[in-house]
Amino acid sequence: MFGSRSDRETVTCIACGDRLARSDAREYDKHGDRWERRDKAFEYLCKGCFADTSHQPRGDLEATLDDAGAGETDRETFLRRYRELAEENGVERE
């Protein structure tokens, strides 16, 4: 009939920056629980970027990125904090 709101909404892929219709995007939940929808704002990936992502468990990667200030601090500070947190958590470098 009129279509859903998501058919008319435009979103931006967090990986490549392309703008696309919400109905053509895939939801990405940085906290790893995309099924719990209450009070949640999702980010989006285009189908191509979604297909290129690893769907293997990431452990505490997202929490570590948040704690290190990803997207909220300058690169040098983020990298220093991330390294400190990774060392505290016993993450080995390959």
PDB file of N, CA and C in Angstrom:
ATOM      1  N   MET A   1       0.829  -1.180   0.000  1.00  0.00           N
ATOM      2  CA  MET A   1       0.000   0.000   0.000  1.00  0.00           C
ATOM      3  C   MET A   1       0.876   1.245   0.000  1.00  0.00           C
ATOM      4  N   PHE A   2       1.345   1.700   1.173  1.00  0.00           N
ATOM      5  CA  PHE A   2       2.169   2.893   1.231  1.00  0.00           C
ATOM      6  C   PHE A   2       3.653   2.555   1.414  1.00  0.00           C
ATOM      7  N   GLY A   3       3.959   1.311   1.722  1.00  0.00           N
ATOM      8  CA  GLY A   3       5.342   0.938   1.994  1.00  0.00           C
ATOM      9  C   GLY A   3       5.717   1.287   3.419  1.00  0.00           C
ATOM     10  N   SER A   4       6.762   0.679   3.899  1.00  0.00           N
ATOM     11  CA  SER A   4       7.182   0.934   5.273  1.00  0.00           C
ATOM     12  C   SER A   4       8.098   2.145   5.335  1.00  0.00           C
ATOM     13  N   ARG A   5       8.293   2.635   6.549  1.00  0.00           N
ATOM     14  CA  ARG A   5       9.171   3.785   6.766  1.00  0.00           C
ATOM     15  C   ARG A   5      10.590   3.455   6.314  1.00  0.00           C
ATOM     16  N   SER A   6      11.029   2.201   6.537  1.00  0.00           N
ATOM     17  CA  SER A   6      12.393   1.830   6.173  1.00  0.00           C
ATOM     18  C   SER A   6      12.611   1.844   4.666  1.00  0.00           C
ATOM     19  N   ASP A   7      11.535   1.732   3.865  1.00  0.00           N
ATOM     20  CA  ASP A   7      11.673   1.801   2.415  1.00  0.00           C
ATOM     21  C   ASP A   7      12.036   3.209   1.960  1.00  0.00           C
ATOM     22  N   ARG A   8      11.662   4.214   2.732  1.00  0.00           N
ATOM     23  CA  ARG A   8      11.894   5.604   2.347  1.00  0.00           C
ATOM     24  C   ARG A   8      13.110   6.208   3.052  1.00  0.00           C
ATOM     25  N   GLU A   9      13.595   5.556   4.069  1.00  0.00           N
ATOM     26  CA  GLU A   9      14.709   6.064   4.858  1.00  0.00           C
ATOM     27  C   GLU A   9      16.039   5.797   4.151  1.00  0.00           C
ATOM     28  N   THR A  10      16.944   6.776   4.197  1.00  0.00           N
ATOM     29  CA  THR A  10      18.278   6.616   3.628  1.00  0.00           C
ATOM     30  C   THR A  10      19.278   6.498   4.767  1.00  0.00           C
ATOM     31  N   VAL A  11      20.210   5.553   4.634  1.00  0.00           N
ATOM     32  CA  VAL A  11      21.231   5.328   5.649  1.00  0.00           C
ATOM     33  C   VAL A  11      22.606   5.363   4.990  1.00  0.00           C
ATOM     34  N   THR A  12      23.641   5.428   5.805  1.00  0.00           N
ATOM     35  CA  THR A  12      25.017   5.453   5.317  1.00  0.00           C
ATOM     36  C   THR A  12      25.745   4.212   5.797  1.00  0.00           C
ATOM     37  N   CYS A  13      26.420   3.530   4.886  1.00  0.00           N
ATOM     38  CA  CYS A  13      27.223   2.352   5.228  1.00  0.00           C
ATOM     39  C   CYS A  13      28.413   2.807   6.066  1.00  0.00           C
ATOM     40  N   ILE A  14      28.601   2.200   7.239  1.00  0.00           N
ATOM     41  CA  ILE A  14      29.698   2.603   8.121  1.00  0.00           C
ATOM     42  C   ILE A  14      31.053   2.149   7.600  1.00  0.00           C
ATOM     43  N   ALA A  15      31.077   1.229   6.634  1.00  0.00           N
ATOM     44  CA  ALA A  15      32.346   0.739   6.100  1.00  0.00           C
ATOM     45  C   ALA A  15      32.835   1.547   4.901  1.00  0.00           C
ATOM     46  N   CYS A  16      31.955   1.791   3.937  1.00  0.00           N
ATOM     47  CA  CYS A  16      32.397   2.457   2.703  1.00  0.00           C
ATOM     48  C   CYS A  16      31.850   3.872   2.540  1.00  0.00           C
ATOM     49  N   GLY A  17      30.852   4.251   3.334  1.00  0.00           N
ATOM     50  CA  GLY A  17      30.307   5.599   3.266  1.00  0.00           C
ATOM     51  C   GLY A  17      29.219   5.810   2.232  1.00  0.00           C
ATOM     52  N   ASP A  18      28.876   4.763   1.478  1.00  0.00           N
ATOM     53  CA  ASP A  18      27.801   4.909   0.488  1.00  0.00           C
ATOM     54  C   ASP A  18      26.476   5.156   1.176  1.00  0.00           C
ATOM     55  N   ARG A  19      25.636   5.990   0.554  1.00  0.00           N
ATOM     56  CA  ARG A  19      24.276   6.228   1.046  1.00  0.00           C
ATOM     57  C   ARG A  19      23.347   5.339   0.245  1.00  0.00           C
ATOM     58  N   LEU A  20      22.421   4.679   0.936  1.00  0.00           N
ATOM     59  CA  LEU A  20      21.506   3.762   0.273  1.00  0.00           C
ATOM     60  C   LEU A  20      20.195   3.689   1.028  1.00  0.00           C
ATOM     61  N   ALA A  21      19.195   3.121   0.372  1.00  0.00           N
ATOM     62  CA  ALA A  21      17.894   2.948   1.020  1.00  0.00           C
ATOM     63  C   ALA A  21      18.045   1.993   2.191  1.00  0.00           C
ATOM     64  N   ARG A  22      17.391   2.298   3.286  1.00  0.00           N
ATOM     65  CA  ARG A  22      17.438   1.437   4.476  1.00  0.00           C
ATOM     66  C   ARG A  22      17.054   0.006   4.126  1.00  0.00           C
ATOM     67  N   SER A  23      16.103  -0.166   3.231  1.00  0.00           N
ATOM     68  CA  SER A  23      15.652  -1.511   2.857  1.00  0.00           C
ATOM     69  C   SER A  23      16.730  -2.285   2.099  1.00  0.00           C
ATOM     70  N   ASP A  24      17.761  -1.604   1.578  1.00  0.00           N
ATOM     71  CA  ASP A  24      18.857  -2.265   0.875  1.00  0.00           C
ATOM     72  C   ASP A  24      20.083  -2.464   1.764  1.00  0.00           C
ATOM     73  N   ALA A  25      19.980  -2.108   3.033  1.00  0.00           N
ATOM     74  CA  ALA A  25      21.113  -2.182   3.961  1.00  0.00           C
ATOM     75  C   ALA A  25      20.933  -3.338   4.945  1.00  0.00           C
ATOM     76  N   ARG A  26      22.010  -3.656   5.628  1.00  0.00           N
ATOM     77  CA  ARG A  26      21.994  -4.665   6.687  1.00  0.00           C
ATOM     78  C   ARG A  26      22.296  -3.970   8.009  1.00  0.00           C
ATOM     79  N   GLU A  27      21.547  -4.318   9.051  1.00  0.00           N
ATOM     80  CA  GLU A  27      21.767  -3.721  10.371  1.00  0.00           C
ATOM     81  C   GLU A  27      23.064  -4.244  10.971  1.00  0.00           C
ATOM     82  N   TYR A  28      23.760  -3.348  11.663  1.00  0.00           N
ATOM     83  CA  TYR A  28      24.962  -3.719  12.393  1.00  0.00           C
ATOM     84  C   TYR A  28      24.817  -3.188  13.808  1.00  0.00           C
ATOM     85  N   ASP A  29      24.943  -4.079  14.773  1.00  0.00           N
ATOM     86  CA  ASP A  29      24.853  -3.688  16.182  1.00  0.00           C
ATOM     87  C   ASP A  29      26.222  -3.887  16.806  1.00  0.00           C
ATOM     88  N   LYS A  30      26.902  -2.797  17.122  1.00  0.00           N
ATOM     89  CA  LYS A  30      28.256  -2.901  17.643  1.00  0.00           C
ATOM     90  C   LYS A  30      28.321  -3.597  18.989  1.00  0.00           C
ATOM     91  N   HIS A  31      27.180  -3.770  19.644  1.00  0.00           N
ATOM     92  CA  HIS A  31      27.169  -4.472  20.925  1.00  0.00           C
ATOM     93  C   HIS A  31      26.872  -5.957  20.761  1.00  0.00           C
ATOM     94  N   GLY A  32      26.627  -6.390  19.535  1.00  0.00           N
ATOM     95  CA  GLY A  32      26.506  -7.807  19.241  1.00  0.00           C
ATOM     96  C   GLY A  32      25.168  -8.444  19.536  1.00  0.00           C
ATOM     97  N   ASP A  33      24.159  -7.666  19.886  1.00  0.00           N
ATOM     98  CA  ASP A  33      22.856  -8.240  20.207  1.00  0.00           C
ATOM     99  C   ASP A  33      21.798  -7.566  19.343  1.00  0.00           C
ATOM    100  N   ARG A  34      21.785  -7.891  18.074  1.00  0.00           N
ATOM    101  CA  ARG A  34      20.877  -7.203  17.158  1.00  0.00           C
ATOM    102  C   ARG A  34      19.428  -7.604  17.342  1.00  0.00           C
ATOM    103  N   TRP A  35      19.154  -8.624  18.147  1.00  0.00           N
ATOM    104  CA  TRP A  35      17.776  -9.083  18.325  1.00  0.00           C
ATOM    105  C   TRP A  35      17.050  -8.297  19.407  1.00  0.00           C
ATOM    106  N   GLU A  36      17.772  -7.723  20.353  1.00  0.00           N
ATOM    107  CA  GLU A  36      17.157  -6.886  21.378  1.00  0.00           C
ATOM    108  C   GLU A  36      17.037  -5.488  20.793  1.00  0.00           C
ATOM    109  N   ARG A  37      15.836  -5.079  20.420  1.00  0.00           N
ATOM    110  CA  ARG A  37      15.635  -3.851  19.668  1.00  0.00           C
ATOM    111  C   ARG A  37      15.200  -2.658  20.516  1.00  0.00           C
ATOM    112  N   ARG A  38      14.804  -2.870  21.746  1.00  0.00           N
ATOM    113  CA  ARG A  38      14.290  -1.787  22.581  1.00  0.00           C
ATOM    114  C   ARG A  38      15.349  -0.719  22.816  1.00  0.00           C
ATOM    115  N   ASP A  39      14.994   0.528  22.539  1.00  0.00           N
ATOM    116  CA  ASP A  39      15.857   1.693  22.787  1.00  0.00           C
ATOM    117  C   ASP A  39      17.231   1.570  22.126  1.00  0.00           C
ATOM    118  N   LYS A  40      17.278   0.993  20.956  1.00  0.00           N
ATOM    119  CA  LYS A  40      18.558   0.781  20.299  1.00  0.00           C
ATOM    120  C   LYS A  40      18.610   1.502  18.962  1.00  0.00           C
ATOM    121  N   ALA A  41      19.739   2.096  18.673  1.00  0.00           N
ATOM    122  CA  ALA A  41      19.972   2.715  17.373  1.00  0.00           C
ATOM    123  C   ALA A  41      21.016   1.882  16.645  1.00  0.00           C
ATOM    124  N   PHE A  42      20.665   1.405  15.466  1.00  0.00           N
ATOM    125  CA  PHE A  42      21.580   0.571  14.705  1.00  0.00           C
ATOM    126  C   PHE A  42      22.412   1.395  13.741  1.00  0.00           C
ATOM    127  N   GLU A  43      23.570   0.860  13.370  1.00  0.00           N
ATOM    128  CA  GLU A  43      24.356   1.381  12.272  1.00  0.00           C
ATOM    129  C   GLU A  43      24.083   0.434  11.107  1.00  0.00           C
ATOM    130  N   TYR A  44      24.531   0.781   9.909  1.00  0.00           N
ATOM    131  CA  TYR A  44      24.183  -0.015   8.737  1.00  0.00           C
ATOM    132  C   TYR A  44      25.379  -0.288   7.851  1.00  0.00           C
ATOM    133  N   LEU A  45      25.318  -1.426   7.155  1.00  0.00           N
ATOM    134  CA  LEU A  45      26.294  -1.808   6.147  1.00  0.00           C
ATOM    135  C   LEU A  45      25.553  -2.056   4.840  1.00  0.00           C
ATOM    136  N   CYS A  46      26.174  -1.663   3.725  1.00  0.00           N
ATOM    137  CA  CYS A  46      25.586  -2.028   2.432  1.00  0.00           C
ATOM    138  C   CYS A  46      25.788  -3.533   2.261  1.00  0.00           C
ATOM    139  N   LYS A  47      25.072  -4.139   1.336  1.00  0.00           N
ATOM    140  CA  LYS A  47      25.146  -5.588   1.166  1.00  0.00           C
ATOM    141  C   LYS A  47      26.556  -6.056   0.811  1.00  0.00           C
ATOM    142  N   GLY A  48      27.270  -5.290   0.001  1.00  0.00           N
ATOM    143  CA  GLY A  48      28.632  -5.666  -0.373  1.00  0.00           C
ATOM    144  C   GLY A  48      29.574  -5.683   0.814  1.00  0.00           C
ATOM    145  N   CYS A  49      29.529  -4.636   1.631  1.00  0.00           N
ATOM    146  CA  CYS A  49      30.398  -4.573   2.813  1.00  0.00           C
ATOM    147  C   CYS A  49      29.988  -5.616   3.843  1.00  0.00           C
ATOM    148  N   PHE A  50      28.690  -5.854   3.975  1.00  0.00           N
ATOM    149  CA  PHE A  50      28.222  -6.868   4.907  1.00  0.00           C
ATOM    150  C   PHE A  50      28.764  -8.237   4.507  1.00  0.00           C
ATOM    151  N   ALA A  51      28.760  -8.535   3.216  1.00  0.00           N
ATOM    152  CA  ALA A  51      29.264  -9.824   2.732  1.00  0.00           C
ATOM    153  C   ALA A  51      30.763  -9.964   2.979  1.00  0.00           C
ATOM    154  N   ASP A  52      31.481  -8.832   2.989  1.00  0.00           N
ATOM    155  CA  ASP A  52      32.930  -8.864   3.198  1.00  0.00           C
ATOM    156  C   ASP A  52      33.338  -8.959   4.664  1.00  0.00           C
ATOM    157  N   THR A  53      32.398  -8.783   5.586  1.00  0.00           N
ATOM    158  CA  THR A  53      32.752  -8.808   7.010  1.00  0.00           C
ATOM    159  C   THR A  53      32.874 -10.232   7.515  1.00  0.00           C
ATOM    160  N   SER A  54      33.677 -10.402   8.532  1.00  0.00           N
ATOM    161  CA  SER A  54      33.807 -11.698   9.187  1.00  0.00           C
ATOM    162  C   SER A  54      32.625 -11.875  10.131  1.00  0.00           C
ATOM    163  N   HIS A  55      32.008 -13.009  10.079  1.00  0.00           N
ATOM    164  CA  HIS A  55      30.867 -13.280  10.947  1.00  0.00           C
ATOM    165  C   HIS A  55      31.257 -14.209  12.095  1.00  0.00           C
ATOM    166  N   GLN A  56      32.555 -14.262  12.380  1.00  0.00           N
ATOM    167  CA  GLN A  56      33.065 -15.055  13.489  1.00  0.00           C
ATOM    168  C   GLN A  56      32.937 -14.255  14.783  1.00  0.00           C
ATOM    169  N   PRO A  57      32.819 -14.931  15.906  1.00  0.00           N
ATOM    170  CA  PRO A  57      32.728 -14.229  17.196  1.00  0.00           C
ATOM    171  C   PRO A  57      33.932 -13.293  17.391  1.00  0.00           C
ATOM    172  N   ARG A  58      33.664 -12.123  17.948  1.00  0.00           N
ATOM    173  CA  ARG A  58      34.706 -11.121  18.151  1.00  0.00           C
ATOM    174  C   ARG A  58      35.084 -10.958  19.612  1.00  0.00           C
ATOM    175  N   GLY A  59      34.563 -11.821  20.466  1.00  0.00           N
ATOM    176  CA  GLY A  59      34.889 -11.691  21.880  1.00  0.00           C
ATOM    177  C   GLY A  59      34.504 -10.333  22.403  1.00  0.00           C
ATOM    178  N   ASP A  60      35.438  -9.664  23.026  1.00  0.00           N
ATOM    179  CA  ASP A  60      35.191  -8.347  23.605  1.00  0.00           C
ATOM    180  C   ASP A  60      35.737  -7.214  22.743  1.00  0.00           C
ATOM    181  N   LEU A  61      35.933  -7.458  21.458  1.00  0.00           N
ATOM    182  CA  LEU A  61      36.519  -6.443  20.592  1.00  0.00           C
ATOM    183  C   LEU A  61      35.743  -5.130  20.632  1.00  0.00           C
ATOM    184  N   GLU A  62      34.427  -5.182  20.465  1.00  0.00           N
ATOM    185  CA  GLU A  62      33.637  -3.947  20.431  1.00  0.00           C
ATOM    186  C   GLU A  62      33.732  -3.188  21.747  1.00  0.00           C
ATOM    187  N   ALA A  63      33.677  -3.900  22.857  1.00  0.00           N
ATOM    188  CA  ALA A  63      33.792  -3.237  24.161  1.00  0.00           C
ATOM    189  C   ALA A  63      35.168  -2.594  24.310  1.00  0.00           C
ATOM    190  N   THR A  64      36.212  -3.275  23.843  1.00  0.00           N
ATOM    191  CA  THR A  64      37.565  -2.723  23.914  1.00  0.00           C
ATOM    192  C   THR A  64      37.686  -1.477  23.048  1.00  0.00           C
ATOM    193  N   LEU A  65      37.099  -1.520  21.846  1.00  0.00           N
ATOM    194  CA  LEU A  65      37.122  -0.346  20.972  1.00  0.00           C
ATOM    195  C   LEU A  65      36.410   0.832  21.629  1.00  0.00           C
ATOM    196  N   ASP A  66      35.254   0.572  22.234  1.00  0.00           N
ATOM    197  CA  ASP A  66      34.529   1.634  22.941  1.00  0.00           C
ATOM    198  C   ASP A  66      35.358   2.186  24.093  1.00  0.00           C
ATOM    199  N   ASP A  67      35.928   1.294  24.892  1.00  0.00           N
ATOM    200  CA  ASP A  67      36.723   1.716  26.045  1.00  0.00           C
ATOM    201  C   ASP A  67      37.952   2.522  25.632  1.00  0.00           C
ATOM    202  N   ALA A  68      38.486   2.228  24.449  1.00  0.00           N
ATOM    203  CA  ALA A  68      39.671   2.941  23.957  1.00  0.00           C
ATOM    204  C   ALA A  68      39.309   4.283  23.334  1.00  0.00           C
ATOM    205  N   GLY A  69      38.020   4.530  23.139  1.00  0.00           N
ATOM    206  CA  GLY A  69      37.592   5.814  22.611  1.00  0.00           C
ATOM    207  C   GLY A  69      37.466   5.860  21.095  1.00  0.00           C
ATOM    208  N   ALA A  70      37.216   4.731  20.466  1.00  0.00           N
ATOM    209  CA  ALA A  70      37.087   4.692  19.001  1.00  0.00           C
ATOM    210  C   ALA A  70      36.047   5.701  18.528  1.00  0.00           C
ATOM    211  N   GLY A  71      36.448   6.531  17.582  1.00  0.00           N
ATOM    212  CA  GLY A  71      35.550   7.526  17.014  1.00  0.00           C
ATOM    213  C   GLY A  71      35.310   8.738  17.888  1.00  0.00           C
ATOM    214  N   GLU A  72      35.905   8.767  19.060  1.00  0.00           N
ATOM    215  CA  GLU A  72      35.663   9.871  19.991  1.00  0.00           C
ATOM    216  C   GLU A  72      36.933  10.594  20.409  1.00  0.00           C
ATOM    217  N   THR A  73      38.072  10.064  19.993  1.00  0.00           N
ATOM    218  CA  THR A  73      39.337  10.665  20.390  1.00  0.00           C
ATOM    219  C   THR A  73      40.279  10.662  19.195  1.00  0.00           C
ATOM    220  N   ASP A  74      41.405  11.338  19.314  1.00  0.00           N
ATOM    221  CA  ASP A  74      42.352  11.370  18.202  1.00  0.00           C
ATOM    222  C   ASP A  74      43.038  10.010  18.044  1.00  0.00           C
ATOM    223  N   ARG A  75      43.599   9.784  16.877  1.00  0.00           N
ATOM    224  CA  ARG A  75      44.183   8.483  16.522  1.00  0.00           C
ATOM    225  C   ARG A  75      45.271   8.040  17.502  1.00  0.00           C
ATOM    226  N   GLU A  76      46.166   8.934  17.843  1.00  0.00           N
ATOM    227  CA  GLU A  76      47.273   8.583  18.736  1.00  0.00           C
ATOM    228  C   GLU A  76      46.763   8.129  20.110  1.00  0.00           C
ATOM    229  N   THR A  77      45.832   8.866  20.665  1.00  0.00           N
ATOM    230  CA  THR A  77      45.259   8.509  21.968  1.00  0.00           C
ATOM    231  C   THR A  77      44.516   7.189  21.884  1.00  0.00           C
ATOM    232  N   PHE A  78      43.716   7.019  20.828  1.00  0.00           N
ATOM    233  CA  PHE A  78      42.981   5.766  20.651  1.00  0.00           C
ATOM    234  C   PHE A  78      43.934   4.581  20.580  1.00  0.00           C
ATOM    235  N   LEU A  79      44.967   4.673  19.755  1.00  0.00           N
ATOM    236  CA  LEU A  79      45.894   3.547  19.593  1.00  0.00           C
ATOM    237  C   LEU A  79      46.619   3.220  20.897  1.00  0.00           C
ATOM    238  N   ARG A  80      47.013   4.268  21.632  1.00  0.00           N
ATOM    239  CA  ARG A  80      47.684   4.040  22.920  1.00  0.00           C
ATOM    240  C   ARG A  80      46.751   3.324  23.885  1.00  0.00           C
ATOM    241  N   ARG A  81      45.506   3.820  24.003  1.00  0.00           N
ATOM    242  CA  ARG A  81      44.538   3.203  24.908  1.00  0.00           C
ATOM    243  C   ARG A  81      44.215   1.771  24.480  1.00  0.00           C
ATOM    244  N   TYR A  82      44.035   1.570  23.166  1.00  0.00           N
ATOM    245  CA  TYR A  82      43.706   0.233  22.683  1.00  0.00           C
ATOM    246  C   TYR A  82      44.832  -0.748  23.013  1.00  0.00           C
ATOM    247  N   ARG A  83      46.068  -0.340  22.780  1.00  0.00           N
ATOM    248  CA  ARG A  83      47.205  -1.223  23.089  1.00  0.00           C
ATOM    249  C   ARG A  83      47.255  -1.549  24.580  1.00  0.00           C
ATOM    250  N   GLU A  84      47.057  -0.544  25.423  1.00  0.00           N
ATOM    251  CA  GLU A  84      47.058  -0.776  26.870  1.00  0.00           C
ATOM    252  C   GLU A  84      45.967  -1.775  27.264  1.00  0.00           C
ATOM    253  N   LEU A  85      44.762  -1.590  26.730  1.00  0.00           N
ATOM    254  CA  LEU A  85      43.661  -2.488  27.048  1.00  0.00           C
ATOM    255  C   LEU A  85      43.912  -3.895  26.522  1.00  0.00           C
ATOM    256  N   ALA A  86      44.461  -4.000  25.318  1.00  0.00           N
ATOM    257  CA  ALA A  86      44.754  -5.312  24.743  1.00  0.00           C
ATOM    258  C   ALA A  86      45.796  -6.040  25.590  1.00  0.00           C
ATOM    259  N   GLU A  87      46.811  -5.309  26.054  1.00  0.00           N
ATOM    260  CA  GLU A  87      47.834  -5.930  26.897  1.00  0.00           C
ATOM    261  C   GLU A  87      47.258  -6.361  28.242  1.00  0.00           C
ATOM    262  N   GLU A  88      46.363  -5.537  28.807  1.00  0.00           N
ATOM    263  CA  GLU A  88      45.708  -5.901  30.072  1.00  0.00           C
ATOM    264  C   GLU A  88      44.868  -7.164  29.931  1.00  0.00           C
ATOM    265  N   ASN A  89      44.246  -7.318  28.759  1.00  0.00           N
ATOM    266  CA  ASN A  89      43.369  -8.459  28.520  1.00  0.00           C
ATOM    267  C   ASN A  89      44.102  -9.667  27.966  1.00  0.00           C
ATOM    268  N   GLY A  90      45.428  -9.563  27.823  1.00  0.00           N
ATOM    269  CA  GLY A  90      46.219 -10.706  27.374  1.00  0.00           C
ATOM    270  C   GLY A  90      46.074 -11.043  25.895  1.00  0.00           C
ATOM    271  N   VAL A  91      45.748 -10.052  25.084  1.00  0.00           N
ATOM    272  CA  VAL A  91      45.621 -10.280  23.636  1.00  0.00           C
ATOM    273  C   VAL A  91      47.021 -10.335  23.051  1.00  0.00           C
ATOM    274  N   GLU A  92      47.302 -11.411  22.313  1.00  0.00           N
ATOM    275  CA  GLU A  92      48.613 -11.566  21.707  1.00  0.00           C
ATOM    276  C   GLU A  92      48.617 -11.001  20.300  1.00  0.00           C
ATOM    277  N   ARG A  93      49.751 -10.404  19.935  1.00  0.00           N
ATOM    278  CA  ARG A  93      49.919  -9.908  18.573  1.00  0.00           C
ATOM    279  C   ARG A  93      50.349 -11.043  17.685  1.00  0.00           C
ATOM    280  N   GLU A  94      49.845 -11.048  16.451  1.00  0.00           N
ATOM    281  CA  GLU A  94      50.227 -12.097  15.495  1.00  0.00           C
ATOM    282  C   GLU A  94      51.322 -11.623  14.591  1.00  0.00           C
TER     283      GLU A  94
END
